[in-house]
Amino acid sequence: MTHPTGRQLRSLTTPRAAALAGVAFALLFGVVLVVMRTSLPPGAQLGSQWSDGSSGRLKLAIVLTPFAGIAFLWFIGVLRDGLGQLEDQFFTTVFIGSGFLFLAMIFTSTAVGAGLLASKQFVAEAGTRTEVAAFGQGLLLALTDTYALRMAAVFMMSVATIWLRTGLMPRWLVVVTYLVAIAVLVASDVSPWTTVAFPVWVLLVSLLLLFAPAASTRLPDRA
């Protein structure tokens, strides 16, 4: 490929400020989870929340989710760029694949919620509306709690394994990452609020990348 003469070309580098994407995701997705948990509290009759005045909060979660997903894509890019020449195809495949699956299922669950809210005006019979809402709510929670957040746990485990094998991050962060991943993987069925640990972990990693001394976070350049 030829380049125009007289033009200075520079290789692309990822600025440290790109880690702000992780902060944005943590805040946005944290709000989404809190809104969803308060709108769909455990123990309430399945499907009743859609007609009990919670639709406004659910609309907020639906609006914020795409922006949280965009920020998470940038966060994945920041983590992968930091690997440099130490990138391993096996662990990177698991790391990126689990991140993409997490995003896909979060978007799908949000689309289910948006469809349910939009369908309320087209279902006239109260009994049918409740049945449709119950099915949609069960599908939404299954996608979020059973599948998406377990992919988030796999994402954290793969990242922690990469850090452990390469020494790119402090050992205490590796241990914390494994513990949070296990909590999200196992305890999400016990307490739905355990899932908030994932955006908190992303926030911790992003702040470490932003404010840690440059010498301690300098990673190998790509070949």
Protein backbone atom coordinates (compact mmCIF):
# COMPACT_ATOMS: atom_id res chain seq x y z
CA MET A 1 0.00 0.00 0.00
CA THR A 2 1.40 3.39 -0.98
CA HIS A 3 1.18 6.45 1.25
CA PRO A 4 0.99 10.09 0.17
CA THR A 5 4.40 11.70 0.10
CA GLY A 6 5.12 14.46 2.56
CA ARG A 7 2.59 13.20 5.09
CA GLN A 8 3.87 11.99 8.44
CA LEU A 9 2.18 8.77 9.53
CA ARG A 10 1.87 7.78 13.17
CA SER A 11 0.85 4.50 14.74
CA LEU A 12 -2.33 4.47 16.78
CA THR A 13 -1.96 4.30 20.54
CA THR A 14 -4.59 3.93 23.21
CA PRO A 15 -4.61 6.88 25.64
CA ARG A 16 -4.85 6.15 29.35
CA ALA A 17 -7.98 8.29 29.40
CA ALA A 18 -9.72 5.58 27.36
CA ALA A 19 -10.16 3.77 30.67
CA LEU A 20 -12.89 6.33 31.35
CA ALA A 21 -15.07 4.07 29.21
CA GLY A 22 -14.96 1.53 32.02
CA VAL A 23 -16.03 4.18 34.51
CA ALA A 24 -18.91 5.16 32.24
CA PHE A 25 -20.00 1.54 31.87
CA ALA A 26 -19.81 0.91 35.61
CA LEU A 27 -21.97 3.92 36.41
CA LEU A 28 -24.51 3.36 33.63
CA PHE A 29 -24.85 -0.39 34.08
CA GLY A 30 -24.95 0.00 37.84
CA VAL A 31 -27.90 2.36 37.47
CA VAL A 32 -29.57 -0.09 35.06
CA LEU A 33 -29.22 -2.97 37.53
CA VAL A 34 -30.50 -0.94 40.47
CA VAL A 35 -33.47 0.32 38.45
CA MET A 36 -34.28 -3.19 37.26
CA ARG A 37 -34.02 -4.68 40.75
CA THR A 38 -36.24 -2.03 42.30
CA SER A 39 -38.77 -2.27 39.48
CA LEU A 40 -38.88 -6.07 39.59
CA PRO A 41 -38.47 -6.90 43.29
CA PRO A 42 -38.32 -10.58 44.27
CA GLY A 43 -41.44 -11.99 45.84
CA ALA A 44 -43.91 -9.85 43.94
CA GLN A 45 -46.44 -11.49 41.65
CA LEU A 46 -44.81 -12.34 38.34
CA GLY A 47 -45.81 -9.82 35.70
CA SER A 48 -47.53 -7.39 38.06
CA GLN A 49 -44.67 -4.89 38.04
CA TRP A 50 -45.32 -3.93 34.43
CA SER A 51 -48.68 -2.41 35.36
CA ASP A 52 -47.88 -1.07 38.82
CA GLY A 53 -46.20 2.21 37.92
CA SER A 54 -42.69 0.81 37.35
CA SER A 55 -42.75 1.38 33.60
CA GLY A 56 -41.05 4.78 33.93
CA ARG A 57 -38.03 3.30 35.67
CA LEU A 58 -37.90 0.44 33.19
CA LYS A 59 -37.89 2.92 30.32
CA LEU A 60 -34.89 4.61 31.95
CA ALA A 61 -33.05 1.28 32.06
CA ILE A 62 -33.92 0.61 28.42
CA VAL A 63 -32.54 3.99 27.36
CA LEU A 64 -29.30 3.67 29.34
CA THR A 65 -28.43 0.10 28.36
CA PRO A 66 -27.18 0.82 24.79
CA PHE A 67 -24.83 3.51 26.07
CA ALA A 68 -23.55 1.16 28.76
CA GLY A 69 -22.92 -1.44 26.06
CA ILE A 70 -20.96 1.01 23.91
CA ALA A 71 -18.81 1.95 26.89
CA PHE A 72 -18.19 -1.74 27.65
CA LEU A 73 -16.92 -2.30 24.10
CA TRP A 74 -14.37 0.46 24.65
CA PHE A 75 -13.43 -1.12 27.98
CA ILE A 76 -12.77 -4.45 26.24
CA GLY A 77 -10.58 -2.60 23.75
CA VAL A 78 -8.59 -0.96 26.53
CA LEU A 79 -7.96 -4.28 28.27
CA ARG A 80 -6.93 -6.02 25.06
CA ASP A 81 -4.64 -3.19 24.00
CA GLY A 82 -2.89 -3.45 27.35
CA LEU A 83 -1.84 -7.02 26.61
CA GLY A 84 0.50 -5.96 23.82
CA GLN A 85 2.84 -8.74 22.70
CA LEU A 86 1.73 -10.89 25.64
CA GLU A 87 -1.65 -11.53 24.05
CA ASP A 88 -2.48 -15.25 24.02
CA GLN A 89 -4.94 -16.49 21.40
CA PHE A 90 -6.65 -19.00 23.68
CA PHE A 91 -7.33 -16.74 26.65
CA THR A 92 -8.02 -13.73 24.43
CA THR A 93 -10.68 -15.72 22.56
CA VAL A 94 -12.42 -16.61 25.83
CA PHE A 95 -12.01 -13.06 27.12
CA ILE A 96 -13.44 -11.36 24.01
CA GLY A 97 -16.07 -14.03 23.33
CA SER A 98 -17.52 -13.90 26.83
CA GLY A 99 -17.59 -10.10 26.67
CA PHE A 100 -19.49 -10.13 23.38
CA LEU A 101 -21.94 -12.77 24.65
CA PHE A 102 -22.53 -10.70 27.77
CA LEU A 103 -23.36 -7.65 25.66
CA ALA A 104 -25.57 -9.61 23.27
CA MET A 105 -27.69 -11.05 26.07
CA ILE A 106 -27.95 -7.75 27.91
CA PHE A 107 -29.17 -6.10 24.71
CA THR A 108 -31.59 -8.97 24.09
CA SER A 109 -33.05 -8.79 27.58
CA THR A 110 -33.46 -5.03 27.23
CA ALA A 111 -35.21 -5.51 23.90
CA VAL A 112 -37.60 -7.95 25.58
CA GLY A 113 -38.40 -5.32 28.19
CA ALA A 114 -38.92 -2.67 25.53
CA GLY A 115 -41.22 -4.99 23.61
CA LEU A 116 -43.29 -5.70 26.70
CA LEU A 117 -43.71 -2.03 27.49
CA ALA A 118 -44.70 -1.30 23.90
CA SER A 119 -47.19 -4.19 23.78
CA LYS A 120 -49.19 -3.07 26.81
CA GLN A 121 -51.38 -0.77 24.73
CA PHE A 122 -52.14 -3.49 22.17
CA VAL A 123 -53.29 -6.17 24.63
CA ALA A 124 -56.73 -5.18 25.83
CA GLU A 125 -57.66 -8.15 28.01
CA ALA A 126 -56.20 -7.87 31.50
CA GLY A 127 -55.66 -11.61 31.90
CA THR A 128 -53.80 -11.90 28.62
CA ARG A 129 -51.72 -8.84 29.44
CA THR A 130 -50.66 -10.39 32.74
CA GLU A 131 -49.71 -13.67 31.07
CA VAL A 132 -47.66 -11.92 28.40
CA ALA A 133 -45.96 -9.76 31.01
CA ALA A 134 -45.20 -12.78 33.19
CA PHE A 135 -43.59 -14.61 30.27
CA GLY A 136 -41.58 -11.56 29.24
CA GLN A 137 -40.42 -10.85 32.76
CA GLY A 138 -39.30 -14.44 33.25
CA LEU A 139 -37.41 -14.34 29.95
CA LEU A 140 -35.81 -11.01 30.81
CA LEU A 141 -34.61 -12.18 34.22
CA ALA A 142 -33.35 -15.48 32.81
CA LEU A 143 -31.32 -13.71 30.13
CA THR A 144 -29.88 -11.24 32.63
CA ASP A 145 -29.25 -13.35 35.73
CA THR A 146 -28.75 -16.86 34.39
CA TYR A 147 -26.86 -16.20 31.17
CA ALA A 148 -25.52 -12.65 30.77
CA LEU A 149 -24.02 -12.30 34.23
CA ARG A 150 -22.52 -15.76 34.11
CA MET A 151 -20.79 -14.69 30.92
CA ALA A 152 -19.59 -11.67 32.90
CA ALA A 153 -18.13 -14.10 35.44
CA VAL A 154 -16.31 -15.98 32.65
CA PHE A 155 -15.07 -12.62 31.36
CA MET A 156 -13.60 -11.76 34.76
CA MET A 157 -12.05 -15.21 35.22
CA SER A 158 -10.35 -15.09 31.83
CA VAL A 159 -9.01 -11.59 32.49
CA ALA A 160 -7.77 -12.63 35.94
CA THR A 161 -6.03 -15.67 34.44
CA ILE A 162 -4.30 -13.48 31.85
CA TRP A 163 -3.14 -11.11 34.57
CA LEU A 164 -1.94 -14.01 36.73
CA ARG A 165 0.08 -15.62 33.93
CA THR A 166 1.59 -12.37 32.65
CA GLY A 167 1.95 -10.36 35.86
CA LEU A 168 0.40 -7.29 34.22
CA MET A 169 -1.70 -6.40 37.27
CA PRO A 170 -1.12 -6.64 41.03
CA ARG A 171 -1.71 -10.01 42.63
CA TRP A 172 -4.34 -8.59 44.99
CA LEU A 173 -6.43 -7.48 42.00
CA VAL A 174 -6.20 -10.98 40.52
CA VAL A 175 -7.48 -12.48 43.79
CA VAL A 176 -10.29 -9.93 44.05
CA THR A 177 -11.27 -10.60 40.44
CA TYR A 178 -11.53 -14.35 41.02
CA LEU A 179 -13.60 -13.81 44.17
CA VAL A 180 -16.00 -11.41 42.45
CA ALA A 181 -16.32 -13.78 39.48
CA ILE A 182 -17.19 -16.70 41.75
CA ALA A 183 -19.72 -14.56 43.61
CA VAL A 184 -21.42 -13.50 40.38
CA LEU A 185 -21.29 -17.04 39.01
CA VAL A 186 -22.73 -18.77 42.07
CA ALA A 187 -24.44 -16.30 44.35
CA SER A 188 -26.55 -14.47 41.76
CA ASP A 189 -29.28 -17.07 42.31
CA VAL A 190 -29.13 -16.48 46.07
CA SER A 191 -29.22 -12.69 46.06
CA PRO A 192 -29.92 -10.70 42.87
CA TRP A 193 -27.98 -7.75 44.31
CA THR A 194 -24.77 -9.79 44.00
CA THR A 195 -24.77 -8.92 40.31
CA VAL A 196 -23.91 -5.30 41.16
CA ALA A 197 -20.43 -6.60 41.98
CA PHE A 198 -19.60 -6.76 38.25
CA PRO A 199 -19.89 -3.02 37.49
CA VAL A 200 -18.09 -2.30 40.78
CA TRP A 201 -15.22 -4.50 39.59
CA VAL A 202 -15.10 -2.70 36.23
CA LEU A 203 -14.99 0.62 38.09
CA LEU A 204 -12.10 -0.60 40.26
CA VAL A 205 -10.06 -1.78 37.26
CA SER A 206 -10.73 1.43 35.33
CA LEU A 207 -9.70 3.66 38.21
CA LEU A 208 -6.53 1.62 38.66
CA LEU A 209 -5.68 2.05 34.98
CA LEU A 210 -6.37 5.77 35.20
CA PHE A 211 -4.61 6.73 38.40
CA ALA A 212 -1.94 4.10 38.99
CA PRO A 213 1.62 5.34 38.40
CA ALA A 214 2.58 5.06 34.77
CA ALA A 215 5.62 2.94 35.56
CA SER A 216 3.54 0.25 37.27
CA THR A 217 0.96 0.03 34.50
CA ARG A 218 3.22 0.34 31.47
CA LEU A 219 2.49 -2.67 29.30
CA PRO A 220 4.45 -4.18 26.41
CA ASP A 221 4.08 -2.56 23.02
CA ARG A 222 2.74 -4.52 20.11
CA ALA A 223 5.21 -5.78 17.57
